[in-house]
Protein backbone atom coordinates (compact mmCIF):
# COMPACT_ATOMS: atom_id res chain seq x y z
CA MET A 1 5.11 7.52 9.62
CA LYS A 2 5.50 3.76 9.31
CA GLU A 3 6.44 1.49 6.44
CA ILE A 4 4.82 -1.81 5.48
CA LYS A 5 6.27 -4.19 2.85
CA VAL A 6 3.66 -5.61 0.47
CA LYS A 7 3.44 -7.75 -2.65
CA LEU A 8 0.65 -7.10 -5.18
CA SER A 9 0.95 -9.99 -7.59
CA THR A 10 -2.45 -10.03 -9.31
CA ILE A 11 -4.89 -7.55 -10.81
CA GLU A 12 -7.42 -8.58 -8.18
CA SER A 13 -4.96 -7.92 -5.35
CA VAL A 14 -4.30 -4.42 -6.71
CA LYS A 15 -8.05 -3.71 -6.79
CA ARG A 16 -8.52 -4.94 -3.20
CA PHE A 17 -5.47 -2.95 -2.06
CA VAL A 18 -6.88 0.28 -3.54
CA GLU A 19 -10.30 -0.38 -1.99
CA LYS A 20 -8.73 -0.86 1.44
CA THR A 21 -6.39 2.16 1.30
CA SER A 22 -9.06 4.47 -0.13
CA LYS A 23 -11.11 4.39 3.07
CA TYR A 24 -8.37 6.13 5.10
CA PRO A 25 -8.41 9.94 5.40
CA PHE A 26 -4.62 10.36 5.44
CA GLU A 27 -2.13 10.10 2.58
CA ILE A 28 -0.66 6.70 1.80
CA ASP A 29 2.18 6.25 -0.67
CA VAL A 30 3.60 3.18 -2.37
CA VAL A 31 7.34 3.31 -3.02
CA SER A 32 9.12 1.18 -5.60
CA GLY A 33 12.73 2.15 -6.15
CA ARG A 34 12.73 5.85 -6.97
CA TYR A 35 9.00 5.96 -7.78
CA VAL A 36 6.43 7.18 -5.27
CA ILE A 37 2.78 6.51 -6.17
CA ASP A 38 -0.47 7.39 -4.40
CA ALA A 39 -1.71 4.10 -2.87
CA LYS A 40 -5.28 5.10 -3.69
CA SER A 41 -4.54 5.34 -7.44
CA ILE A 42 -5.22 2.12 -9.33
CA MET A 43 -3.68 3.53 -12.51
CA GLY A 44 -0.60 4.63 -10.60
CA LEU A 45 -0.12 1.18 -9.10
CA PHE A 46 -0.43 -0.50 -12.48
CA SER A 47 2.42 1.73 -13.71
CA LEU A 48 4.78 -0.02 -11.26
CA ASN A 49 6.61 -3.30 -11.74
CA LEU A 50 4.43 -5.55 -9.58
CA GLU A 51 7.11 -8.25 -9.56
CA ASN A 52 8.90 -6.22 -6.88
CA VAL A 53 8.15 -5.95 -3.18
CA LEU A 54 6.58 -2.54 -2.59
CA THR A 55 6.87 -0.28 0.45
CA VAL A 56 3.70 1.34 1.79
CA VAL A 57 4.26 4.61 3.67
CA ALA A 58 1.34 5.93 5.70
CA HIS A 59 1.45 9.63 6.60
CA THR A 60 -0.25 9.58 9.98
CA ASP A 61 0.81 9.88 13.60
CA ASN A 62 -2.41 8.27 14.82
CA GLU A 63 -1.39 4.86 16.24
CA GLU A 64 -4.95 3.50 16.18
CA GLU A 65 -5.43 4.30 12.48
CA MET A 66 -2.01 2.82 11.72
CA LYS A 67 -2.93 -0.45 13.46
CA LYS A 68 -6.16 -0.63 11.45
CA LEU A 69 -4.23 -0.07 8.22
CA GLU A 70 -1.69 -2.75 9.11
CA GLU A 71 -4.53 -5.18 9.82
CA ASP A 72 -6.26 -4.32 6.52
CA LEU A 73 -3.04 -4.86 4.55
CA LYS A 74 -2.02 -8.16 6.21
CA GLU A 75 -3.19 -10.20 3.22
CA PHE A 76 -0.66 -8.34 1.04
CA ALA A 77 2.31 -8.75 3.41
CA ALA A 78 5.53 -9.57 1.58
CA GLN A 79 7.15 -12.83 2.65
CA ASN A 80 10.75 -12.22 3.65
């Protein structure tokens, strides 16, 4: 299980994020404070405060799939 920090600042970025995460067979969560949302749920993501940096948690032990996910989500990477 690995965490990736992301920023989803526009409606379009949320749509692209859901499209990218939906193609993976394992569970992916988005954590914001005490809230945990399914990363494949567009309605769930819109319920979060998108001003905040979000944490993506992928529930897989497959290193290859994890690398693909990290590559897919690079455009959403939060700037530290």
